Protein backbone atom coordinates (compact mmCIF):
# COMPACT_ATOMS: atom_id res chain seq x y z
CA UNK A 1 7.82 36.35 -29.62
CA UNK A 2 5.80 34.95 -27.16
CA UNK A 3 4.14 32.95 -29.84
CA UNK A 4 6.99 31.69 -31.03
CA UNK A 5 7.71 30.21 -27.76
CA UNK A 6 4.40 28.68 -27.67
CA UNK A 7 4.79 27.31 -31.02
CA UNK A 8 8.21 25.73 -30.13
CA UNK A 9 6.99 23.86 -27.00
CA UNK A 10 4.00 22.78 -29.07
CA UNK A 11 6.20 21.50 -31.24
CA UNK A 12 8.73 20.23 -29.34
CA UNK A 13 5.61 18.69 -27.09
CA UNK A 14 5.08 16.22 -30.03
CA UNK A 15 7.94 15.24 -30.99
CA UNK A 16 9.80 14.80 -28.77
CA UNK A 17 7.66 11.05 -28.23
CA UNK A 18 8.10 10.11 -31.14
CA UNK A 19 11.68 9.97 -30.68
CA UNK A 20 11.40 7.78 -27.48
CA UNK A 21 10.10 5.01 -29.13
CA UNK A 22 13.14 2.68 -28.42
CA UNK A 23 11.47 -0.72 -28.08
CA UNK A 24 13.59 -3.27 -25.13
CA UNK A 25 14.85 -6.23 -25.29
CA UNK A 26 12.48 -9.68 -25.42
CA UNK A 27 12.58 -11.26 -22.00
CA UNK A 28 13.86 -14.44 -23.98
CA UNK A 29 16.40 -13.13 -25.77
CA UNK A 30 19.33 -15.03 -25.50
CA UNK A 31 21.34 -11.30 -25.72
CA UNK A 32 19.35 -10.15 -23.19
CA UNK A 33 21.86 -8.91 -20.51
CA UNK A 34 19.62 -7.17 -18.84
CA UNK A 35 20.36 -9.97 -15.71
CA UNK A 36 18.35 -12.56 -13.93
CA UNK A 37 19.54 -15.53 -15.53
CA UNK A 38 19.56 -18.59 -13.30
CA UNK A 39 22.62 -20.42 -13.87
CA UNK A 40 23.26 -23.57 -15.78
CA UNK A 41 20.68 -22.60 -18.70
CA UNK A 42 22.89 -21.86 -21.13
CA UNK A 43 22.02 -17.71 -21.32
CA UNK A 44 18.63 -19.11 -21.56
CA UNK A 45 16.36 -17.01 -19.91
CA UNK A 46 12.33 -17.89 -19.88
CA UNK A 47 10.44 -15.27 -18.27
CA UNK A 48 7.73 -14.82 -19.55
CA UNK A 49 6.47 -11.79 -21.84
CA UNK A 50 4.93 -9.24 -19.69
CA UNK A 51 8.07 -10.19 -16.61
CA UNK A 52 4.90 -12.11 -14.94
CA UNK A 53 2.81 -9.42 -13.67
CA UNK A 54 -0.87 -10.86 -12.96
CA UNK A 55 -3.76 -8.08 -14.99
CA UNK A 56 -6.45 -9.48 -12.79
CA UNK A 57 -5.54 -7.49 -9.59
CA UNK A 58 -6.65 -4.19 -11.12
CA UNK A 59 -8.73 -5.29 -13.98
CA UNK A 60 -11.15 -6.55 -11.60
CA UNK A 61 -11.28 -3.70 -9.32
CA UNK A 62 -11.57 -1.74 -12.07
CA UNK A 63 -14.11 -3.63 -13.66
CA UNK A 64 -16.23 -3.34 -11.34
CA UNK A 65 -16.85 0.22 -9.96
CA UNK A 66 -17.54 0.82 -13.51
CA UNK A 67 -20.23 -1.74 -12.98
CA UNK A 68 -21.38 0.67 -10.17
CA UNK A 69 -20.83 3.64 -11.96
CA UNK A 70 -23.08 2.30 -14.35
CA UNK A 71 -25.07 0.79 -11.34
CA UNK A 72 -25.36 4.15 -9.79
CA UNK A 73 -26.27 6.12 -13.32
CA UNK A 74 -29.39 3.62 -14.31
CA UNK A 75 -30.65 4.56 -10.94
CA UNK A 76 -30.42 8.14 -10.61
CA UNK A 77 -31.97 8.30 -13.97
CA UNK A 78 -34.82 6.11 -12.85
CA UNK A 79 -35.09 8.82 -9.72
């Protein structure tokens, strides 16, 4: 019985994400009813793809931390 429960749990763990692959509507679609349309634009929404979120904020910190980690590893190797 334990083996059957484990198999069912593993199969559902891998099968569940396959059923959840729905994509949200495109932000510039005139049929997008997500709100946020400016008045007098005829239903056109000019939101950039990705919502206009900046990608540099976290990326530069991640690159800096990676460079520091690499420099530390090189320093420890030469010691």
